[in-house]
C-alpha atoms as a PDB file:
ATOM      1  CA  UNK A   1      75.928  14.722 -11.458  1.00  0.00           C
ATOM      2  CA  UNK A   2      73.756  12.461 -13.905  1.00  0.00           C
ATOM      3  CA  UNK A   3      71.454  11.459 -11.275  1.00  0.00           C
ATOM      4  CA  UNK A   4      70.456  15.124 -10.219  1.00  0.00           C
ATOM      5  CA  UNK A   5      69.891  15.850 -14.180  1.00  0.00           C
ATOM      6  CA  UNK A   6      67.625  12.597 -14.143  1.00  0.00           C
ATOM      7  CA  UNK A   7      65.575  13.697 -10.726  1.00  0.00           C
ATOM      8  CA  UNK A   8      65.395  17.323 -12.283  1.00  0.00           C
ATOM      9  CA  UNK A   9      63.761  15.673 -15.458  1.00  0.00           C
ATOM     10  CA  UNK A  10      61.529  13.275 -13.823  1.00  0.00           C
ATOM     11  CA  UNK A  11      60.283  16.229 -11.463  1.00  0.00           C
ATOM     12  CA  UNK A  12      59.369  18.078 -14.446  1.00  0.00           C
ATOM     13  CA  UNK A  13      57.859  15.278 -15.975  1.00  0.00           C
ATOM     14  CA  UNK A  14      55.535  14.898 -12.953  1.00  0.00           C
ATOM     15  CA  UNK A  15      54.747  18.575 -12.720  1.00  0.00           C
ATOM     16  CA  UNK A  16      53.605  18.626 -16.477  1.00  0.00           C
ATOM     17  CA  UNK A  17      51.791  15.236 -15.992  1.00  0.00           C
ATOM     18  CA  UNK A  18      50.025  16.891 -12.732  1.00  0.00           C
ATOM     19  CA  UNK A  19      48.893  20.238 -14.607  1.00  0.00           C
ATOM     20  CA  UNK A  20      47.566  18.037 -17.460  1.00  0.00           C
ATOM     21  CA  UNK A  21      45.483  15.949 -15.209  1.00  0.00           C
ATOM     22  CA  UNK A  22      44.490  19.261 -13.310  1.00  0.00           C
ATOM     23  CA  UNK A  23      43.067  20.310 -16.679  1.00  0.00           C
ATOM     24  CA  UNK A  24      41.817  16.877 -17.660  1.00  0.00           C
ATOM     25  CA  UNK A  25      40.100  15.436 -14.583  1.00  0.00           C
ATOM     26  CA  UNK A  26      38.696  12.543 -16.882  1.00  0.00           C
ATOM     27  CA  UNK A  27      42.060  11.427 -17.733  1.00  0.00           C
ATOM     28  CA  UNK A  28      43.067  10.856 -13.962  1.00  0.00           C
ATOM     29  CA  UNK A  29      39.910   9.038 -13.401  1.00  0.00           C
ATOM     30  CA  UNK A  30      40.850   7.068 -16.438  1.00  0.00           C
ATOM     31  CA  UNK A  31      44.392   6.357 -14.895  1.00  0.00           C
ATOM     32  CA  UNK A  32      42.707   5.428 -11.813  1.00  0.00           C
ATOM     33  CA  UNK A  33      40.575   2.763 -13.491  1.00  0.00           C
ATOM     34  CA  UNK A  34      43.419   1.275 -15.309  1.00  0.00           C
ATOM     35  CA  UNK A  35      45.767   1.148 -12.066  1.00  0.00           C
ATOM     36  CA  UNK A  36      42.325  -0.557 -10.335  1.00  0.00           C
ATOM     37  CA  UNK A  37      42.127  -3.124 -13.547  1.00  0.00           C
ATOM     38  CA  UNK A  38      45.930  -3.626 -13.419  1.00  0.00           C
ATOM     39  CA  UNK A  39      46.020  -4.532  -9.706  1.00  0.00           C
ATOM     40  CA  UNK A  40      42.706  -6.792 -10.276  1.00  0.00           C
ATOM     41  CA  UNK A  41      44.719  -8.698 -13.010  1.00  0.00           C
ATOM     42  CA  UNK A  42      47.826  -9.242 -10.728  1.00  0.00           C
ATOM     43  CA  UNK A  43      45.370 -10.128  -7.834  1.00  0.00           C
ATOM     44  CA  UNK A  44      43.676 -12.791 -10.101  1.00  0.00           C
ATOM     45  CA  UNK A  45      47.096 -13.972 -11.180  1.00  0.00           C
ATOM     46  CA  UNK A  46      47.942 -14.403  -7.238  1.00  0.00           C
ATOM     47  CA  UNK A  47      45.082 -16.292  -6.822  1.00  0.00           C
ATOM     48  CA  UNK A  48      45.695 -18.712  -9.397  1.00  0.00           C
ATOM     49  CA  UNK A  49      49.248 -18.995  -7.938  1.00  0.00           C
ATOM     50  CA  UNK A  50      47.939 -19.555  -4.220  1.00  0.00           C
ATOM     51  CA  UNK A  51      45.651 -22.228  -5.481  1.00  0.00           C
ATOM     52  CA  UNK A  52      48.213 -23.982  -7.398  1.00  0.00           C
ATOM     53  CA  UNK A  53      50.774 -23.994  -4.194  1.00  0.00           C
ATOM     54  CA  UNK A  54      47.601 -25.120  -1.744  1.00  0.00           C
ATOM     55  CA  UNK A  55      46.948 -28.029  -4.069  1.00  0.00           C
ATOM     56  CA  UNK A  56      50.678 -29.134  -4.135  1.00  0.00           C
ATOM     57  CA  UNK A  57      50.500 -28.874  -0.459  1.00  0.00           C
ATOM     58  CA  UNK A  58      47.394 -30.947  -0.299  1.00  0.00           C
ATOM     59  CA  UNK A  59      49.247 -33.562  -2.646  1.00  0.00           C
ATOM     60  CA  UNK A  60      52.443 -33.472  -0.180  1.00  0.00           C
ATOM     61  CA  UNK A  61      50.233 -33.954   2.882  1.00  0.00           C
ATOM     62  CA  UNK A  62      48.516 -37.028   1.302  1.00  0.00           C
ATOM     63  CA  UNK A  63      51.809 -38.461   0.236  1.00  0.00           C
ATOM     64  CA  UNK A  64      53.151 -37.901   3.850  1.00  0.00           C
ATOM     65  CA  UNK A  65      50.117 -39.395   5.167  1.00  0.00           C
ATOM     66  CA  UNK A  66      50.646 -42.497   3.449  1.00  0.00           C
ATOM     67  CA  UNK A  67      54.005 -42.647   4.068  1.00  0.00           C
ATOM     68  CA  UNK A  68      53.535 -42.450   7.641  1.00  0.00           C
ATOM     69  CA  UNK A  69      51.020 -44.945   7.441  1.00  0.00           C
ATOM     70  CA  UNK A  70      53.524 -47.446   6.091  1.00  0.00           C
ATOM     71  CA  UNK A  71      56.328 -46.927   8.333  1.00  0.00           C
ATOM     72  CA  UNK A  72      53.762 -47.501  11.117  1.00  0.00           C
ATOM     73  CA  UNK A  73      52.993 -50.749   9.534  1.00  0.00           C
ATOM     74  CA  UNK A  74      56.751 -51.514   9.469  1.00  0.00           C
ATOM     75  CA  UNK A  75      57.203 -50.333  13.198  1.00  0.00           C
ATOM     76  CA  UNK A  76      54.469 -52.856  14.070  1.00  0.00           C
ATOM     77  CA  UNK A  77      55.790 -55.491  12.058  1.00  0.00           C
ATOM     78  CA  UNK A  78      59.449 -55.284  13.542  1.00  0.00           C
ATOM     79  CA  UNK A  79      58.317 -54.911  17.265  1.00  0.00           C
ATOM     80  CA  UNK A  80      56.138 -58.177  16.618  1.00  0.00           C
ATOM     81  CA  UNK A  81      59.382 -59.923  15.062  1.00  0.00           C
ATOM     82  CA  UNK A  82      61.242 -58.758  18.114  1.00  0.00           C
ATOM     83  CA  UNK A  83      63.667 -56.205  16.269  1.00  0.00           C
ATOM     84  CA  UNK A  84      63.226 -53.221  18.665  1.00  0.00           C
ATOM     85  CA  UNK A  85      66.349 -51.412  17.112  1.00  0.00           C
ATOM     86  CA  UNK A  86      64.896 -51.357  13.953  1.00  0.00           C
ATOM     87  CA  UNK A  87      61.264 -50.508  15.416  1.00  0.00           C
ATOM     88  CA  UNK A  88      62.773 -47.689  17.448  1.00  0.00           C
ATOM     89  CA  UNK A  89      64.648 -46.279  14.178  1.00  0.00           C
ATOM     90  CA  UNK A  90      61.319 -46.878  12.545  1.00  0.00           C
ATOM     91  CA  UNK A  91      59.435 -44.749  15.118  1.00  0.00           C
ATOM     92  CA  UNK A  92      61.739 -41.894  14.942  1.00  0.00           C
ATOM     93  CA  UNK A  93      61.417 -41.971  11.026  1.00  0.00           C
ATOM     94  CA  UNK A  94      57.540 -41.751  11.640  1.00  0.00           C
ATOM     95  CA  UNK A  95      58.106 -38.995  13.830  1.00  0.00           C
ATOM     96  CA  UNK A  96      60.193 -36.795  11.493  1.00  0.00           C
ATOM     97  CA  UNK A  97      57.454 -37.550   8.932  1.00  0.00           C
ATOM     98  CA  UNK A  98      54.785 -35.944  11.279  1.00  0.00           C
ATOM     99  CA  UNK A  99      57.179 -33.022  12.063  1.00  0.00           C
ATOM    100  CA  UNK A 100      56.887 -32.272   8.274  1.00  0.00           C
ATOM    101  CA  UNK A 101      53.318 -32.917   7.999  1.00  0.00           C
ATOM    102  CA  UNK A 102      52.863 -30.226  10.682  1.00  0.00           C
ATOM    103  CA  UNK A 103      55.071 -27.979   8.854  1.00  0.00           C
ATOM    104  CA  UNK A 104      53.043 -28.589   5.513  1.00  0.00           C
ATOM    105  CA  UNK A 105      49.843 -27.965   7.622  1.00  0.00           C
ATOM    106  CA  UNK A 106      50.935 -24.633   8.843  1.00  0.00           C
ATOM    107  CA  UNK A 107      51.872 -23.679   5.502  1.00  0.00           C
ATOM    108  CA  UNK A 108      48.658 -24.714   4.010  1.00  0.00           C
ATOM    109  CA  UNK A 109      46.644 -22.563   6.637  1.00  0.00           C
ATOM    110  CA  UNK A 110      49.180 -19.826   5.694  1.00  0.00           C
ATOM    111  CA  UNK A 111      48.281 -20.039   2.069  1.00  0.00           C
ATOM    112  CA  UNK A 112      44.578 -20.052   3.103  1.00  0.00           C
ATOM    113  CA  UNK A 113      45.053 -16.753   4.779  1.00  0.00           C
ATOM    114  CA  UNK A 114      46.873 -15.289   2.074  1.00  0.00           C
ATOM    115  CA  UNK A 115      44.438 -16.510  -0.332  1.00  0.00           C
ATOM    116  CA  UNK A 116      41.656 -14.801   1.838  1.00  0.00           C
ATOM    117  CA  UNK A 117      43.452 -11.572   1.654  1.00  0.00           C
ATOM    118  CA  UNK A 118      43.734 -11.643  -2.040  1.00  0.00           C
ATOM    119  CA  UNK A 119      39.938 -12.423  -2.066  1.00  0.00           C
ATOM    120  CA  UNK A 120      39.187  -9.595   0.239  1.00  0.00           C
ATOM    121  CA  UNK A 121      41.063  -6.978  -1.993  1.00  0.00           C
ATOM    122  CA  UNK A 122      39.662  -8.050  -5.240  1.00  0.00           C
ATOM    123  CA  UNK A 123      35.980  -7.811  -3.386  1.00  0.00           C
ATOM    124  CA  UNK A 124      36.910  -4.383  -2.389  1.00  0.00           C
ATOM    125  CA  UNK A 125      38.313  -3.543  -5.998  1.00  0.00           C
ATOM    126  CA  UNK A 126      35.379  -4.656  -7.889  1.00  0.00           C
ATOM    127  CA  UNK A 127      32.934  -3.234  -5.421  1.00  0.00           C
ATOM    128  CA  UNK A 128      33.975   0.386  -5.737  1.00  0.00           C
ATOM    129  CA  UNK A 129      31.747   2.483  -7.268  1.00  0.00           C
ATOM    130  CA  UNK A 130      32.904   3.886 -10.481  1.00  0.00           C
ATOM    131  CA  UNK A 131      32.144   7.687 -10.908  1.00  0.00           C
ATOM    132  CA  UNK A 132      29.260   8.324 -13.605  1.00  0.00           C
ATOM    133  CA  UNK A 133      28.064   4.526 -13.281  1.00  0.00           C
ATOM    134  CA  UNK A 134      24.699   3.623 -11.600  1.00  0.00           C
ATOM    135  CA  UNK A 135      25.227   1.416  -8.503  1.00  0.00           C
ATOM    136  CA  UNK A 136      24.552  -1.937  -9.418  1.00  0.00           C
ATOM    137  CA  UNK A 137      25.453  -5.372  -7.761  1.00  0.00           C
ATOM    138  CA  UNK A 138      28.708  -6.345  -8.993  1.00  0.00           C
ATOM    139  CA  UNK A 139      29.031  -9.847 -10.018  1.00  0.00           C
ATOM    140  CA  UNK A 140      32.687  -9.844 -10.102  1.00  0.00           C
ATOM    141  CA  UNK A 141      33.021  -8.826  -6.477  1.00  0.00           C
ATOM    142  CA  UNK A 142      30.128 -11.491  -5.690  1.00  0.00           C
ATOM    143  CA  UNK A 143      31.660 -14.231  -7.294  1.00  0.00           C
ATOM    144  CA  UNK A 144      34.944 -13.551  -5.872  1.00  0.00           C
ATOM    145  CA  UNK A 145      33.522 -13.455  -2.515  1.00  0.00           C
ATOM    146  CA  UNK A 146      31.531 -16.861  -3.018  1.00  0.00           C
ATOM    147  CA  UNK A 147      34.806 -18.309  -4.170  1.00  0.00           C
ATOM    148  CA  UNK A 148      36.729 -17.270  -1.279  1.00  0.00           C
ATOM    149  CA  UNK A 149      34.036 -18.768   0.961  1.00  0.00           C
ATOM    150  CA  UNK A 150      34.092 -21.943  -0.708  1.00  0.00           C
ATOM    151  CA  UNK A 151      37.925 -22.241  -0.493  1.00  0.00           C
ATOM    152  CA  UNK A 152      37.910 -21.355   3.146  1.00  0.00           C
ATOM    153  CA  UNK A 153      35.274 -24.091   3.930  1.00  0.00           C
ATOM    154  CA  UNK A 154      37.474 -26.383   1.805  1.00  0.00           C
ATOM    155  CA  UNK A 155      40.103 -25.699   3.522  1.00  0.00           C
ATOM    156  CA  UNK A 156      38.617 -26.339   7.104  1.00  0.00           C
ATOM    157  CA  UNK A 157      37.086 -29.419   5.811  1.00  0.00           C
ATOM    158  CA  UNK A 158      40.338 -31.016   4.983  1.00  0.00           C
ATOM    159  CA  UNK A 159      41.993 -29.818   8.130  1.00  0.00           C
ATOM    160  CA  UNK A 160      39.668 -31.600  10.202  1.00  0.00           C
ATOM    161  CA  UNK A 161      40.372 -34.838   8.509  1.00  0.00           C
END
């Protein structure tokens, strides 16, 4: 019973808002602009979060690489000393660490794709012409595109190491 009352109230309010916006088109444009600004703020926050996650993945990859190197040295020392059982267990550990590294690389690549999607949406949002505004180059969109390209190049460079 209460949900239908609430639904009726919501429907009436929606109708009143639509009527108001029909008679005041400039308010509708202001609402659209506000929604666009809100989405842009959300995307900027998401971009920061993704960068932080990518940096954490990079740090973890570097840590794993160092740990793998250490265990490979230990494996070699064990083999040289004739401790084949210990060397075999160390090799298994290295294999597990390498699997973790591959998983982290995939996660980093996924973050890069998500970052590129956020950058693209930001560029689209900032490049939309605003009614009544003279078309001018949008510094924000150009900057967002530049940063996306830089980040992608950095990810590619780091993945080729």
